[in-house]
Amino acid sequence: MLILNKIINKNSNIKSPVISIHDCFGCLTNYMIELEELVKLEFIKLYSKANFLEKFNSDLMDILNKNKINYEINRDEHKILNLYK
């Protein structure tokens, strides 16, 4: 929802309705190309933050630990091999 708010507030050319479900966006066809560009730019800004992936990984590990889900990590390939309770 934050991305959608940024897109709508940033650009007065795109008029409602703009609809969002998860990471999909819809609008009237005459605003489609402009909406596509704005969505791309907002996702680039979001994922290019310095520590986005590290924070995302840390949050996932916290969730696993809080829910007492055990896991094995292959550190050479930087991935989780098995999840089990």
Foldseek 3Di string as FASTA:
>chain_A
DVLVVCLCVVDVVFDDDWDDDDLDIDGPPVCVVVSVVSSVVSVCVQVPPPCNVVVVVVVVVVVCVVVVWDWDADVVVGDTDDTHD
